[in-house]
Amino acid sequence: MNNTTSKNEVILDTLEKHLKLTTNGQEVRIIWVPSHVGIIGNEAADQAAKEATSMTISESHNKLLMEDMLKMAKD
């Protein structure tokens, strides 16, 4: 992992922390976790996002009012 050419700060920070931990004898496992899988509400959010990408601006404008969003956040 020492020969990376990435300029992404998150990647560089992760690699630095990985190196520190493994140098100190710690085991590090990096696991891929699929998003929106098995998390309540995320499937609906994913579907809404997919539907929104196919809408025109006039269709999506004011589709969800602020008070509706606040009510959903409280629920």
PDB file of N, CA and C in Angstrom:
ATOM      1  N   MET A   1       0.805  -1.205   0.000  1.00  0.00           N
ATOM      2  CA  MET A   1       0.000   0.000   0.000  1.00  0.00           C
ATOM      3  C   MET A   1       0.844   1.265   0.000  1.00  0.00           C
ATOM      4  N   ASN A   2       2.119   1.128   0.036  1.00  0.00           N
ATOM      5  CA  ASN A   2       2.976   2.303   0.112  1.00  0.00           C
ATOM      6  C   ASN A   2       3.159   3.019  -1.219  1.00  0.00           C
ATOM      7  N   ASN A   3       2.868   2.374  -2.329  1.00  0.00           N
ATOM      8  CA  ASN A   3       3.109   3.002  -3.625  1.00  0.00           C
ATOM      9  C   ASN A   3       1.829   3.537  -4.260  1.00  0.00           C
ATOM     10  N   THR A   4       1.052   4.286  -3.489  1.00  0.00           N
ATOM     11  CA  THR A   4      -0.169   4.889  -4.008  1.00  0.00           C
ATOM     12  C   THR A   4       0.136   6.247  -4.634  1.00  0.00           C
ATOM     13  N   THR A   5      -0.620   6.567  -5.673  1.00  0.00           N
ATOM     14  CA  THR A   5      -0.465   7.875  -6.304  1.00  0.00           C
ATOM     15  C   THR A   5      -1.720   8.722  -6.113  1.00  0.00           C
ATOM     16  N   SER A   6      -2.602   8.291  -5.236  1.00  0.00           N
ATOM     17  CA  SER A   6      -3.849   9.010  -5.002  1.00  0.00           C
ATOM     18  C   SER A   6      -3.581  10.360  -4.358  1.00  0.00           C
ATOM     19  N   LYS A   7      -4.426  11.328  -4.735  1.00  0.00           N
ATOM     20  CA  LYS A   7      -4.368  12.644  -4.110  1.00  0.00           C
ATOM     21  C   LYS A   7      -5.610  12.883  -3.260  1.00  0.00           C
ATOM     22  N   ASN A   8      -6.473  11.872  -3.173  1.00  0.00           N
ATOM     23  CA  ASN A   8      -7.688  11.970  -2.376  1.00  0.00           C
ATOM     24  C   ASN A   8      -7.306  11.894  -0.905  1.00  0.00           C
ATOM     25  N   GLU A   9      -7.665  12.940  -0.149  1.00  0.00           N
ATOM     26  CA  GLU A   9      -7.275  13.009   1.257  1.00  0.00           C
ATOM     27  C   GLU A   9      -7.849  11.880   2.100  1.00  0.00           C
ATOM     28  N   VAL A  10      -9.063  11.451   1.785  1.00  0.00           N
ATOM     29  CA  VAL A  10      -9.681  10.360   2.555  1.00  0.00           C
ATOM     30  C   VAL A  10      -8.896   9.067   2.339  1.00  0.00           C
ATOM     31  N   ILE A  11      -8.532   8.798   1.102  1.00  0.00           N
ATOM     32  CA  ILE A  11      -7.759   7.583   0.804  1.00  0.00           C
ATOM     33  C   ILE A  11      -6.395   7.653   1.471  1.00  0.00           C
ATOM     34  N   LEU A  12      -5.727   8.783   1.348  1.00  0.00           N
ATOM     35  CA  LEU A  12      -4.406   8.925   1.955  1.00  0.00           C
ATOM     36  C   LEU A  12      -4.461   8.788   3.473  1.00  0.00           C
ATOM     37  N   ASP A  13      -5.472   9.378   4.094  1.00  0.00           N
ATOM     38  CA  ASP A  13      -5.637   9.274   5.547  1.00  0.00           C
ATOM     39  C   ASP A  13      -5.901   7.830   5.962  1.00  0.00           C
ATOM     40  N   THR A  14      -6.737   7.149   5.193  1.00  0.00           N
ATOM     41  CA  THR A  14      -7.040   5.745   5.485  1.00  0.00           C
ATOM     42  C   THR A  14      -5.792   4.888   5.373  1.00  0.00           C
ATOM     43  N   LEU A  15      -5.026   5.098   4.313  1.00  0.00           N
ATOM     44  CA  LEU A  15      -3.789   4.328   4.134  1.00  0.00           C
ATOM     45  C   LEU A  15      -2.785   4.605   5.248  1.00  0.00           C
ATOM     46  N   GLU A  16      -2.704   5.853   5.669  1.00  0.00           N
ATOM     47  CA  GLU A  16      -1.792   6.211   6.755  1.00  0.00           C
ATOM     48  C   GLU A  16      -2.191   5.512   8.056  1.00  0.00           C
ATOM     49  N   LYS A  17      -3.497   5.532   8.357  1.00  0.00           N
ATOM     50  CA  LYS A  17      -3.975   4.869   9.574  1.00  0.00           C
ATOM     51  C   LYS A  17      -3.783   3.357   9.490  1.00  0.00           C
ATOM     52  N   HIS A  18      -4.011   2.800   8.314  1.00  0.00           N
ATOM     53  CA  HIS A  18      -3.802   1.361   8.109  1.00  0.00           C
ATOM     54  C   HIS A  18      -2.342   1.005   8.377  1.00  0.00           C
ATOM     55  N   LEU A  19      -1.435   1.798   7.846  1.00  0.00           N
ATOM     56  CA  LEU A  19      -0.004   1.547   8.042  1.00  0.00           C
ATOM     57  C   LEU A  19       0.379   1.634   9.517  1.00  0.00           C
ATOM     58  N   LYS A  20      -0.116   2.659  10.219  1.00  0.00           N
ATOM     59  CA  LYS A  20       0.185   2.802  11.644  1.00  0.00           C
ATOM     60  C   LYS A  20      -0.305   1.600  12.437  1.00  0.00           C
ATOM     61  N   LEU A  21      -1.527   1.173  12.153  1.00  0.00           N
ATOM     62  CA  LEU A  21      -2.093   0.048  12.899  1.00  0.00           C
ATOM     63  C   LEU A  21      -1.352  -1.254  12.616  1.00  0.00           C
ATOM     64  N   THR A  22      -1.093  -1.524  11.353  1.00  0.00           N
ATOM     65  CA  THR A  22      -0.419  -2.790  11.019  1.00  0.00           C
ATOM     66  C   THR A  22       1.029  -2.790  11.481  1.00  0.00           C
ATOM     67  N   THR A  23       1.677  -1.630  11.486  1.00  0.00           N
ATOM     68  CA  THR A  23       3.050  -1.529  11.984  1.00  0.00           C
ATOM     69  C   THR A  23       3.098  -1.840  13.473  1.00  0.00           C
ATOM     70  N   ASN A  24       2.022  -1.492  14.186  1.00  0.00           N
ATOM     71  CA  ASN A  24       1.944  -1.763  15.628  1.00  0.00           C
ATOM     72  C   ASN A  24       1.373  -3.140  15.932  1.00  0.00           C
ATOM     73  N   GLY A  25       1.246  -3.987  14.910  1.00  0.00           N
ATOM     74  CA  GLY A  25       0.804  -5.355  15.132  1.00  0.00           C
ATOM     75  C   GLY A  25      -0.701  -5.565  15.127  1.00  0.00           C
ATOM     76  N   GLN A  26      -1.462  -4.545  14.804  1.00  0.00           N
ATOM     77  CA  GLN A  26      -2.922  -4.660  14.769  1.00  0.00           C
ATOM     78  C   GLN A  26      -3.371  -5.279  13.448  1.00  0.00           C
ATOM     79  N   GLU A  27      -4.420  -6.075  13.510  1.00  0.00           N
ATOM     80  CA  GLU A  27      -5.009  -6.628  12.299  1.00  0.00           C
ATOM     81  C   GLU A  27      -6.073  -5.654  11.795  1.00  0.00           C
ATOM     82  N   VAL A  28      -6.056  -5.381  10.513  1.00  0.00           N
ATOM     83  CA  VAL A  28      -7.027  -4.475   9.910  1.00  0.00           C
ATOM     84  C   VAL A  28      -7.768  -5.223   8.818  1.00  0.00           C
ATOM     85  N   ARG A  29      -9.074  -5.187   8.896  1.00  0.00           N
ATOM     86  CA  ARG A  29      -9.909  -5.792   7.856  1.00  0.00           C
ATOM     87  C   ARG A  29     -10.737  -4.690   7.213  1.00  0.00           C
ATOM     88  N   ILE A  30     -10.693  -4.630   5.906  1.00  0.00           N
ATOM     89  CA  ILE A  30     -11.517  -3.679   5.166  1.00  0.00           C
ATOM     90  C   ILE A  30     -12.616  -4.481   4.496  1.00  0.00           C
ATOM     91  N   ILE A  31     -13.860  -4.135   4.820  1.00  0.00           N
ATOM     92  CA  ILE A  31     -15.010  -4.918   4.361  1.00  0.00           C
ATOM     93  C   ILE A  31     -15.931  -4.018   3.557  1.00  0.00           C
ATOM     94  N   TRP A  32     -16.379  -4.518   2.422  1.00  0.00           N
ATOM     95  CA  TRP A  32     -17.358  -3.789   1.613  1.00  0.00           C
ATOM     96  C   TRP A  32     -18.748  -4.095   2.154  1.00  0.00           C
ATOM     97  N   VAL A  33     -19.515  -3.054   2.436  1.00  0.00           N
ATOM     98  CA  VAL A  33     -20.886  -3.197   2.902  1.00  0.00           C
ATOM     99  C   VAL A  33     -21.788  -2.490   1.890  1.00  0.00           C
ATOM    100  N   PRO A  34     -22.661  -3.242   1.216  1.00  0.00           N
ATOM    101  CA  PRO A  34     -23.526  -2.598   0.225  1.00  0.00           C
ATOM    102  C   PRO A  34     -24.467  -1.598   0.880  1.00  0.00           C
ATOM    103  N   SER A  35     -24.606  -0.456   0.248  1.00  0.00           N
ATOM    104  CA  SER A  35     -25.483   0.570   0.810  1.00  0.00           C
ATOM    105  C   SER A  35     -26.940   0.233   0.560  1.00  0.00           C
ATOM    106  N   HIS A  36     -27.788   0.768   1.393  1.00  0.00           N
ATOM    107  CA  HIS A  36     -29.244   0.641   1.267  1.00  0.00           C
ATOM    108  C   HIS A  36     -29.732  -0.798   1.376  1.00  0.00           C
ATOM    109  N   VAL A  37     -28.946  -1.683   1.936  1.00  0.00           N
ATOM    110  CA  VAL A  37     -29.370  -3.074   2.049  1.00  0.00           C
ATOM    111  C   VAL A  37     -29.657  -3.385   3.510  1.00  0.00           C
ATOM    112  N   GLY A  38     -30.888  -3.748   3.789  1.00  0.00           N
ATOM    113  CA  GLY A  38     -31.260  -4.170   5.128  1.00  0.00           C
ATOM    114  C   GLY A  38     -31.390  -3.049   6.146  1.00  0.00           C
ATOM    115  N   ILE A  39     -31.352  -1.814   5.720  1.00  0.00           N
ATOM    116  CA  ILE A  39     -31.501  -0.693   6.635  1.00  0.00           C
ATOM    117  C   ILE A  39     -32.873  -0.081   6.382  1.00  0.00           C
ATOM    118  N   ILE A  40     -33.703  -0.086   7.413  1.00  0.00           N
ATOM    119  CA  ILE A  40     -35.081   0.380   7.274  1.00  0.00           C
ATOM    120  C   ILE A  40     -35.123   1.796   6.713  1.00  0.00           C
ATOM    121  N   GLY A  41     -35.911   1.991   5.682  1.00  0.00           N
ATOM    122  CA  GLY A  41     -36.081   3.309   5.084  1.00  0.00           C
ATOM    123  C   GLY A  41     -35.128   3.595   3.936  1.00  0.00           C
ATOM    124  N   ASN A  42     -33.982   2.948   3.921  1.00  0.00           N
ATOM    125  CA  ASN A  42     -33.019   3.230   2.863  1.00  0.00           C
ATOM    126  C   ASN A  42     -33.469   2.699   1.506  1.00  0.00           C
ATOM    127  N   GLU A  43     -34.181   1.588   1.492  1.00  0.00           N
ATOM    128  CA  GLU A  43     -34.692   1.075   0.217  1.00  0.00           C
ATOM    129  C   GLU A  43     -35.668   2.073  -0.401  1.00  0.00           C
ATOM    130  N   ALA A  44     -36.528   2.667   0.443  1.00  0.00           N
ATOM    131  CA  ALA A  44     -37.481   3.668  -0.043  1.00  0.00           C
ATOM    132  C   ALA A  44     -36.743   4.917  -0.524  1.00  0.00           C
ATOM    133  N   ALA A  45     -35.707   5.315   0.201  1.00  0.00           N
ATOM    134  CA  ALA A  45     -34.921   6.481  -0.206  1.00  0.00           C
ATOM    135  C   ALA A  45     -34.217   6.216  -1.526  1.00  0.00           C
ATOM    136  N   ASP A  46     -33.693   5.018  -1.692  1.00  0.00           N
ATOM    137  CA  ASP A  46     -33.026   4.654  -2.940  1.00  0.00           C
ATOM    138  C   ASP A  46     -34.006   4.687  -4.105  1.00  0.00           C
ATOM    139  N   GLN A  47     -35.197   4.143  -3.901  1.00  0.00           N
ATOM    140  CA  GLN A  47     -36.218   4.144  -4.950  1.00  0.00           C
ATOM    141  C   GLN A  47     -36.645   5.563  -5.295  1.00  0.00           C
ATOM    142  N   ALA A  48     -36.829   6.406  -4.289  1.00  0.00           N
ATOM    143  CA  ALA A  48     -37.212   7.799  -4.536  1.00  0.00           C
ATOM    144  C   ALA A  48     -36.119   8.532  -5.306  1.00  0.00           C
ATOM    145  N   ALA A  49     -34.864   8.251  -4.989  1.00  0.00           N
ATOM    146  CA  ALA A  49     -33.755   8.889  -5.701  1.00  0.00           C
ATOM    147  C   ALA A  49     -33.728   8.450  -7.159  1.00  0.00           C
ATOM    148  N   LYS A  50     -33.969   7.162  -7.393  1.00  0.00           N
ATOM    149  CA  LYS A  50     -34.010   6.661  -8.772  1.00  0.00           C
ATOM    150  C   LYS A  50     -35.146   7.313  -9.557  1.00  0.00           C
ATOM    151  N   GLU A  51     -36.313   7.453  -8.930  1.00  0.00           N
ATOM    152  CA  GLU A  51     -37.449   8.090  -9.599  1.00  0.00           C
ATOM    153  C   GLU A  51     -37.159   9.563  -9.876  1.00  0.00           C
ATOM    154  N   ALA A  52     -36.496  10.232  -8.955  1.00  0.00           N
ATOM    155  CA  ALA A  52     -36.205  11.656  -9.115  1.00  0.00           C
ATOM    156  C   ALA A  52     -35.261  11.915 -10.281  1.00  0.00           C
ATOM    157  N   THR A  53     -34.368  10.971 -10.562  1.00  0.00           N
ATOM    158  CA  THR A  53     -33.420  11.190 -11.655  1.00  0.00           C
ATOM    159  C   THR A  53     -34.099  11.172 -13.011  1.00  0.00           C
ATOM    160  N   SER A  54     -35.289  10.584 -13.091  1.00  0.00           N
ATOM    161  CA  SER A  54     -35.983  10.542 -14.378  1.00  0.00           C
ATOM    162  C   SER A  54     -37.010  11.664 -14.532  1.00  0.00           C
ATOM    163  N   MET A  55     -37.188  12.490 -13.505  1.00  0.00           N
ATOM    164  CA  MET A  55     -38.161  13.585 -13.558  1.00  0.00           C
ATOM    165  C   MET A  55     -37.557  14.814 -14.230  1.00  0.00           C
ATOM    166  N   THR A  56     -38.431  15.615 -14.808  1.00  0.00           N
ATOM    167  CA  THR A  56     -37.991  16.917 -15.286  1.00  0.00           C
ATOM    168  C   THR A  56     -37.981  17.876 -14.102  1.00  0.00           C
ATOM    169  N   ILE A  57     -37.400  19.031 -14.276  1.00  0.00           N
ATOM    170  CA  ILE A  57     -37.331  20.000 -13.178  1.00  0.00           C
ATOM    171  C   ILE A  57     -38.724  20.396 -12.714  1.00  0.00           C
ATOM    172  N   SER A  58     -39.658  20.607 -13.648  1.00  0.00           N
ATOM    173  CA  SER A  58     -40.998  21.034 -13.253  1.00  0.00           C
ATOM    174  C   SER A  58     -41.734  19.946 -12.489  1.00  0.00           C
ATOM    175  N   GLU A  59     -41.464  18.669 -12.792  1.00  0.00           N
ATOM    176  CA  GLU A  59     -42.115  17.574 -12.074  1.00  0.00           C
ATOM    177  C   GLU A  59     -41.597  17.453 -10.651  1.00  0.00           C
ATOM    178  N   SER A  60     -40.298  17.681 -10.465  1.00  0.00           N
ATOM    179  CA  SER A  60     -39.707  17.475  -9.146  1.00  0.00           C
ATOM    180  C   SER A  60     -39.819  18.705  -8.256  1.00  0.00           C
ATOM    181  N   HIS A  61     -40.053  19.876  -8.843  1.00  0.00           N
ATOM    182  CA  HIS A  61     -40.121  21.112  -8.065  1.00  0.00           C
ATOM    183  C   HIS A  61     -41.307  21.066  -7.101  1.00  0.00           C
ATOM    184  N   ASN A  62     -41.041  21.315  -5.839  1.00  0.00           N
ATOM    185  CA  ASN A  62     -42.068  21.343  -4.786  1.00  0.00           C
ATOM    186  C   ASN A  62     -42.824  20.028  -4.643  1.00  0.00           C
ATOM    187  N   LYS A  63     -42.217  18.926  -5.037  1.00  0.00           N
ATOM    188  CA  LYS A  63     -42.874  17.626  -4.897  1.00  0.00           C
ATOM    189  C   LYS A  63     -43.069  17.287  -3.419  1.00  0.00           C
ATOM    190  N   LEU A  64     -42.105  17.656  -2.593  1.00  0.00           N
ATOM    191  CA  LEU A  64     -42.179  17.368  -1.173  1.00  0.00           C
ATOM    192  C   LEU A  64     -42.031  18.686  -0.417  1.00  0.00           C
ATOM    193  N   LEU A  65     -43.040  19.049   0.311  1.00  0.00           N
ATOM    194  CA  LEU A  65     -43.020  20.300   1.053  1.00  0.00           C
ATOM    195  C   LEU A  65     -42.198  20.160   2.325  1.00  0.00           C
ATOM    196  N   MET A  66     -41.664  21.265   2.812  1.00  0.00           N
ATOM    197  CA  MET A  66     -40.823  21.258   3.999  1.00  0.00           C
ATOM    198  C   MET A  66     -41.546  20.657   5.201  1.00  0.00           C
ATOM    199  N   GLU A  67     -42.828  21.000   5.389  1.00  0.00           N
ATOM    200  CA  GLU A  67     -43.540  20.444   6.547  1.00  0.00           C
ATOM    201  C   GLU A  67     -43.693  18.933   6.439  1.00  0.00           C
ATOM    202  N   ASP A  68     -43.799  18.424   5.208  1.00  0.00           N
ATOM    203  CA  ASP A  68     -43.845  16.969   5.018  1.00  0.00           C
ATOM    204  C   ASP A  68     -42.519  16.341   5.416  1.00  0.00           C
ATOM    205  N   MET A  69     -41.422  16.989   5.028  1.00  0.00           N
ATOM    206  CA  MET A  69     -40.098  16.467   5.380  1.00  0.00           C
ATOM    207  C   MET A  69     -39.894  16.465   6.881  1.00  0.00           C
ATOM    208  N   LEU A  70     -40.306  17.529   7.554  1.00  0.00           N
ATOM    209  CA  LEU A  70     -40.149  17.595   9.001  1.00  0.00           C
ATOM    210  C   LEU A  70     -40.979  16.532   9.702  1.00  0.00           C
ATOM    211  N   LYS A  71     -42.202  16.304   9.216  1.00  0.00           N
ATOM    212  CA  LYS A  71     -43.057  15.274   9.801  1.00  0.00           C
ATOM    213  C   LYS A  71     -42.412  13.899   9.620  1.00  0.00           C
ATOM    214  N   MET A  72     -41.878  13.640   8.437  1.00  0.00           N
ATOM    215  CA  MET A  72     -41.219  12.354   8.173  1.00  0.00           C
ATOM    216  C   MET A  72     -40.004  12.170   9.057  1.00  0.00           C
ATOM    217  N   ALA A  73     -39.262  13.245   9.307  1.00  0.00           N
ATOM    218  CA  ALA A  73     -38.074  13.166  10.143  1.00  0.00           C
ATOM    219  C   ALA A  73     -38.433  12.838  11.582  1.00  0.00           C
ATOM    220  N   LYS A  74     -39.595  13.343  12.048  1.00  0.00           N
ATOM    221  CA  LYS A  74     -40.026  13.057  13.422  1.00  0.00           C
ATOM    222  C   LYS A  74     -40.508  11.628  13.572  1.00  0.00           C
ATOM    223  N   ASP A  75     -41.100  11.085  12.497  1.00  0.00           N
ATOM    224  CA  ASP A  75     -41.593   9.701  12.531  1.00  0.00           C
ATOM    225  C   ASP A  75     -40.448   8.758  12.477  1.00  0.00           C
TER     226      ASP A  75
END
